[in-house]
Amino acid sequence: MVTVGGLLPWKINFDDKLALFADTWSPTVIGRLNDYEIKIVELLGEFVWHSHADTDELFVVLDGELTIQFRDGDVKLRPREMVVVPAGIEHRPIAEHEVSAC
Protein backbone atom coordinates (compact mmCIF):
# COMPACT_ATOMS: atom_id res chain seq x y z
CA MET A 1 0.00 0.00 0.00
CA VAL A 2 1.41 3.40 -1.01
CA THR A 3 1.29 6.19 1.53
CA VAL A 4 2.43 9.80 1.26
CA GLY A 5 3.55 11.30 4.54
CA GLY A 6 1.67 8.53 6.34
CA LEU A 7 -1.57 9.35 4.50
CA LEU A 8 -3.26 7.17 1.94
CA PRO A 9 -3.94 9.12 -1.30
CA TRP A 10 -7.36 8.54 -2.80
CA LYS A 11 -8.59 8.68 -6.35
CA ILE A 12 -11.58 10.69 -7.50
CA ASN A 13 -13.84 9.42 -10.27
CA PHE A 14 -15.46 12.33 -12.12
CA ASP A 15 -18.49 10.28 -13.18
CA ASP A 16 -19.15 9.26 -9.57
CA LYS A 17 -18.96 12.88 -8.42
CA LEU A 18 -21.17 14.16 -11.26
CA ALA A 19 -23.83 11.59 -10.32
CA LEU A 20 -24.16 13.19 -6.86
CA PHE A 21 -25.92 16.35 -8.03
CA ALA A 22 -28.33 17.52 -10.71
CA ASP A 23 -28.19 21.32 -10.50
CA THR A 24 -26.44 23.22 -13.26
CA TRP A 25 -24.09 26.15 -12.63
CA SER A 26 -23.48 24.95 -9.04
CA PRO A 27 -19.79 24.02 -8.75
CA THR A 28 -19.05 21.38 -6.12
CA VAL A 29 -15.66 21.05 -4.42
CA ILE A 30 -14.25 17.54 -4.99
CA GLY A 31 -10.69 18.08 -3.78
CA ARG A 32 -8.02 20.54 -2.72
CA LEU A 33 -4.57 21.22 -4.10
CA ASN A 34 -2.44 23.49 -1.92
CA ASP A 35 -4.62 26.63 -1.57
CA TYR A 36 -6.88 25.75 -4.50
CA GLU A 37 -10.28 24.09 -4.56
CA ILE A 38 -10.89 21.59 -7.36
CA LYS A 39 -14.51 21.83 -8.45
CA ILE A 40 -16.75 19.89 -10.80
CA VAL A 41 -19.89 21.29 -12.43
CA GLU A 42 -22.67 20.58 -14.92
CA LEU A 43 -23.39 23.48 -17.28
CA LEU A 44 -26.37 24.19 -19.50
CA GLY A 45 -27.41 27.50 -21.04
CA GLU A 46 -25.76 30.89 -20.63
CA PHE A 47 -24.07 32.29 -17.55
CA VAL A 48 -23.78 36.03 -16.88
CA TRP A 49 -20.88 38.22 -17.97
CA HIS A 50 -18.48 38.41 -15.04
CA SER A 51 -14.85 38.60 -13.96
CA HIS A 52 -12.83 37.63 -10.91
CA ALA A 53 -10.69 40.47 -9.58
CA ASP A 54 -8.31 38.40 -7.47
CA THR A 55 -8.03 34.99 -9.14
CA ASP A 56 -7.72 33.26 -12.48
CA GLU A 57 -10.48 30.83 -13.50
CA LEU A 58 -9.86 27.41 -15.05
CA PHE A 59 -12.31 25.60 -17.32
CA VAL A 60 -11.55 21.95 -18.19
CA VAL A 61 -14.20 20.24 -20.32
CA LEU A 62 -14.80 16.60 -19.44
CA ASP A 63 -17.82 16.01 -21.69
CA GLY A 64 -19.70 18.19 -24.18
CA GLU A 65 -18.74 21.49 -25.76
CA LEU A 66 -18.37 24.81 -23.95
CA THR A 67 -17.95 28.30 -25.38
CA ILE A 68 -16.24 30.97 -23.30
CA GLN A 69 -17.19 34.36 -24.67
CA PHE A 70 -14.81 37.26 -24.25
CA ARG A 71 -15.53 40.84 -25.28
CA ASP A 72 -13.13 40.45 -28.22
CA GLY A 73 -13.84 36.85 -29.32
CA ASP A 74 -14.86 33.34 -28.30
CA VAL A 75 -12.95 30.23 -27.23
CA LYS A 76 -14.69 26.94 -28.00
CA LEU A 77 -13.71 23.96 -25.83
CA ARG A 78 -14.31 20.29 -26.52
CA PRO A 79 -13.58 17.31 -24.24
CA ARG A 80 -9.99 17.22 -22.97
CA GLU A 81 -9.47 20.92 -23.68
CA MET A 82 -9.08 23.75 -21.21
CA VAL A 83 -8.63 27.48 -20.93
CA VAL A 84 -7.38 29.70 -18.11
CA VAL A 85 -9.18 33.03 -17.84
CA PRO A 86 -6.81 35.56 -16.24
CA ALA A 87 -7.97 37.56 -13.22
CA GLY A 88 -9.93 40.67 -14.14
CA ILE A 89 -10.91 39.49 -17.66
CA GLU A 90 -14.65 39.66 -18.32
CA HIS A 91 -16.10 36.44 -19.74
CA ARG A 92 -19.31 34.44 -20.13
CA PRO A 93 -19.56 30.64 -20.36
CA ILE A 94 -22.22 29.22 -22.71
CA ALA A 95 -23.27 25.57 -22.99
CA GLU A 96 -25.80 24.94 -25.77
CA HIS A 97 -26.06 21.32 -24.59
CA GLU A 98 -25.17 19.81 -21.21
CA VAL A 99 -21.46 20.07 -20.37
CA SER A 100 -19.46 18.43 -17.59
CA ALA A 101 -16.44 20.46 -16.53
CA CYS A 102 -13.88 21.11 -13.83
C-alpha atoms as a PDB file:
ATOM      1  CA  MET A   1       0.000   0.000   0.000  1.00  0.00           C
ATOM      2  CA  VAL A   2       1.414   3.396  -1.011  1.00  0.00           C
ATOM      3  CA  THR A   3       1.288   6.194   1.531  1.00  0.00           C
ATOM      4  CA  VAL A   4       2.435   9.801   1.258  1.00  0.00           C
ATOM      5  CA  GLY A   5       3.551  11.300   4.535  1.00  0.00           C
ATOM      6  CA  GLY A   6       1.671   8.534   6.340  1.00  0.00           C
ATOM      7  CA  LEU A   7      -1.571   9.355   4.500  1.00  0.00           C
ATOM      8  CA  LEU A   8      -3.263   7.167   1.942  1.00  0.00           C
ATOM      9  CA  PRO A   9      -3.940   9.124  -1.299  1.00  0.00           C
ATOM     10  CA  TRP A  10      -7.360   8.543  -2.800  1.00  0.00           C
ATOM     11  CA  LYS A  11      -8.589   8.680  -6.351  1.00  0.00           C
ATOM     12  CA  ILE A  12     -11.578  10.689  -7.499  1.00  0.00           C
ATOM     13  CA  ASN A  13     -13.836   9.424 -10.267  1.00  0.00           C
ATOM     14  CA  PHE A  14     -15.456  12.327 -12.124  1.00  0.00           C
ATOM     15  CA  ASP A  15     -18.494  10.281 -13.182  1.00  0.00           C
ATOM     16  CA  ASP A  16     -19.148   9.256  -9.566  1.00  0.00           C
ATOM     17  CA  LYS A  17     -18.959  12.881  -8.421  1.00  0.00           C
ATOM     18  CA  LEU A  18     -21.170  14.155 -11.263  1.00  0.00           C
ATOM     19  CA  ALA A  19     -23.827  11.594 -10.322  1.00  0.00           C
ATOM     20  CA  LEU A  20     -24.162  13.186  -6.865  1.00  0.00           C
ATOM     21  CA  PHE A  21     -25.916  16.347  -8.035  1.00  0.00           C
ATOM     22  CA  ALA A  22     -28.332  17.520 -10.714  1.00  0.00           C
ATOM     23  CA  ASP A  23     -28.192  21.325 -10.498  1.00  0.00           C
ATOM     24  CA  THR A  24     -26.441  23.221 -13.261  1.00  0.00           C
ATOM     25  CA  TRP A  25     -24.092  26.147 -12.628  1.00  0.00           C
ATOM     26  CA  SER A  26     -23.477  24.950  -9.041  1.00  0.00           C
ATOM     27  CA  PRO A  27     -19.790  24.017  -8.749  1.00  0.00           C
ATOM     28  CA  THR A  28     -19.052  21.378  -6.115  1.00  0.00           C
ATOM     29  CA  VAL A  29     -15.657  21.048  -4.417  1.00  0.00           C
ATOM     30  CA  ILE A  30     -14.248  17.536  -4.989  1.00  0.00           C
ATOM     31  CA  GLY A  31     -10.686  18.078  -3.785  1.00  0.00           C
ATOM     32  CA  ARG A  32      -8.019  20.537  -2.724  1.00  0.00           C
ATOM     33  CA  LEU A  33      -4.567  21.215  -4.101  1.00  0.00           C
ATOM     34  CA  ASN A  34      -2.443  23.493  -1.916  1.00  0.00           C
ATOM     35  CA  ASP A  35      -4.615  26.632  -1.567  1.00  0.00           C
ATOM     36  CA  TYR A  36      -6.879  25.749  -4.504  1.00  0.00           C
ATOM     37  CA  GLU A  37     -10.278  24.089  -4.560  1.00  0.00           C
ATOM     38  CA  ILE A  38     -10.889  21.588  -7.356  1.00  0.00           C
ATOM     39  CA  LYS A  39     -14.508  21.826  -8.451  1.00  0.00           C
ATOM     40  CA  ILE A  40     -16.753  19.888 -10.802  1.00  0.00           C
ATOM     41  CA  VAL A  41     -19.887  21.293 -12.427  1.00  0.00           C
ATOM     42  CA  GLU A  42     -22.669  20.579 -14.919  1.00  0.00           C
ATOM     43  CA  LEU A  43     -23.392  23.477 -17.280  1.00  0.00           C
ATOM     44  CA  LEU A  44     -26.370  24.192 -19.498  1.00  0.00           C
ATOM     45  CA  GLY A  45     -27.407  27.499 -21.043  1.00  0.00           C
ATOM     46  CA  GLU A  46     -25.759  30.887 -20.633  1.00  0.00           C
ATOM     47  CA  PHE A  47     -24.073  32.289 -17.547  1.00  0.00           C
ATOM     48  CA  VAL A  48     -23.779  36.030 -16.881  1.00  0.00           C
ATOM     49  CA  TRP A  49     -20.884  38.224 -17.973  1.00  0.00           C
ATOM     50  CA  HIS A  50     -18.484  38.406 -15.044  1.00  0.00           C
ATOM     51  CA  SER A  51     -14.849  38.600 -13.964  1.00  0.00           C
ATOM     52  CA  HIS A  52     -12.831  37.630 -10.907  1.00  0.00           C
ATOM     53  CA  ALA A  53     -10.688  40.473  -9.584  1.00  0.00           C
ATOM     54  CA  ASP A  54      -8.314  38.397  -7.468  1.00  0.00           C
ATOM     55  CA  THR A  55      -8.033  34.994  -9.137  1.00  0.00           C
ATOM     56  CA  ASP A  56      -7.721  33.264 -12.479  1.00  0.00           C
ATOM     57  CA  GLU A  57     -10.478  30.830 -13.499  1.00  0.00           C
ATOM     58  CA  LEU A  58      -9.859  27.411 -15.050  1.00  0.00           C
ATOM     59  CA  PHE A  59     -12.308  25.598 -17.324  1.00  0.00           C
ATOM     60  CA  VAL A  60     -11.553  21.951 -18.191  1.00  0.00           C
ATOM     61  CA  VAL A  61     -14.198  20.236 -20.324  1.00  0.00           C
ATOM     62  CA  LEU A  62     -14.801  16.598 -19.440  1.00  0.00           C
ATOM     63  CA  ASP A  63     -17.823  16.008 -21.687  1.00  0.00           C
ATOM     64  CA  GLY A  64     -19.703  18.189 -24.184  1.00  0.00           C
ATOM     65  CA  GLU A  65     -18.736  21.492 -25.760  1.00  0.00           C
ATOM     66  CA  LEU A  66     -18.367  24.815 -23.954  1.00  0.00           C
ATOM     67  CA  THR A  67     -17.951  28.297 -25.379  1.00  0.00           C
ATOM     68  CA  ILE A  68     -16.243  30.967 -23.302  1.00  0.00           C
ATOM     69  CA  GLN A  69     -17.192  34.362 -24.668  1.00  0.00           C
ATOM     70  CA  PHE A  70     -14.809  37.263 -24.254  1.00  0.00           C
ATOM     71  CA  ARG A  71     -15.533  40.839 -25.282  1.00  0.00           C
ATOM     72  CA  ASP A  72     -13.132  40.449 -28.219  1.00  0.00           C
ATOM     73  CA  GLY A  73     -13.840  36.853 -29.316  1.00  0.00           C
ATOM     74  CA  ASP A  74     -14.855  33.338 -28.300  1.00  0.00           C
ATOM     75  CA  VAL A  75     -12.946  30.233 -27.233  1.00  0.00           C
ATOM     76  CA  LYS A  76     -14.693  26.938 -28.000  1.00  0.00           C
ATOM     77  CA  LEU A  77     -13.711  23.964 -25.830  1.00  0.00           C
ATOM     78  CA  ARG A  78     -14.309  20.291 -26.521  1.00  0.00           C
ATOM     79  CA  PRO A  79     -13.580  17.315 -24.242  1.00  0.00           C
ATOM     80  CA  ARG A  80      -9.988  17.219 -22.975  1.00  0.00           C
ATOM     81  CA  GLU A  81      -9.471  20.924 -23.684  1.00  0.00           C
ATOM     82  CA  MET A  82      -9.078  23.752 -21.207  1.00  0.00           C
ATOM     83  CA  VAL A  83      -8.630  27.481 -20.925  1.00  0.00           C
ATOM     84  CA  VAL A  84      -7.384  29.696 -18.105  1.00  0.00           C
ATOM     85  CA  VAL A  85      -9.180  33.033 -17.840  1.00  0.00           C
ATOM     86  CA  PRO A  86      -6.808  35.556 -16.238  1.00  0.00           C
ATOM     87  CA  ALA A  87      -7.975  37.556 -13.222  1.00  0.00           C
ATOM     88  CA  GLY A  88      -9.927  40.672 -14.144  1.00  0.00           C
ATOM     89  CA  ILE A  89     -10.908  39.491 -17.655  1.00  0.00           C
ATOM     90  CA  GLU A  90     -14.646  39.659 -18.325  1.00  0.00           C
ATOM     91  CA  HIS A  91     -16.098  36.445 -19.740  1.00  0.00           C
ATOM     92  CA  ARG A  92     -19.312  34.443 -20.129  1.00  0.00           C
ATOM     93  CA  PRO A  93     -19.560  30.636 -20.364  1.00  0.00           C
ATOM     94  CA  ILE A  94     -22.220  29.219 -22.708  1.00  0.00           C
ATOM     95  CA  ALA A  95     -23.271  25.567 -22.989  1.00  0.00           C
ATOM     96  CA  GLU A  96     -25.804  24.941 -25.772  1.00  0.00           C
ATOM     97  CA  HIS A  97     -26.064  21.323 -24.588  1.00  0.00           C
ATOM     98  CA  GLU A  98     -25.169  19.812 -21.210  1.00  0.00           C
ATOM     99  CA  VAL A  99     -21.464  20.066 -20.373  1.00  0.00           C
ATOM    100  CA  SER A 100     -19.456  18.427 -17.586  1.00  0.00           C
ATOM    101  CA  ALA A 101     -16.442  20.457 -16.528  1.00  0.00           C
ATOM    102  CA  CYS A 102     -13.876  21.107 -13.827  1.00  0.00           C
END
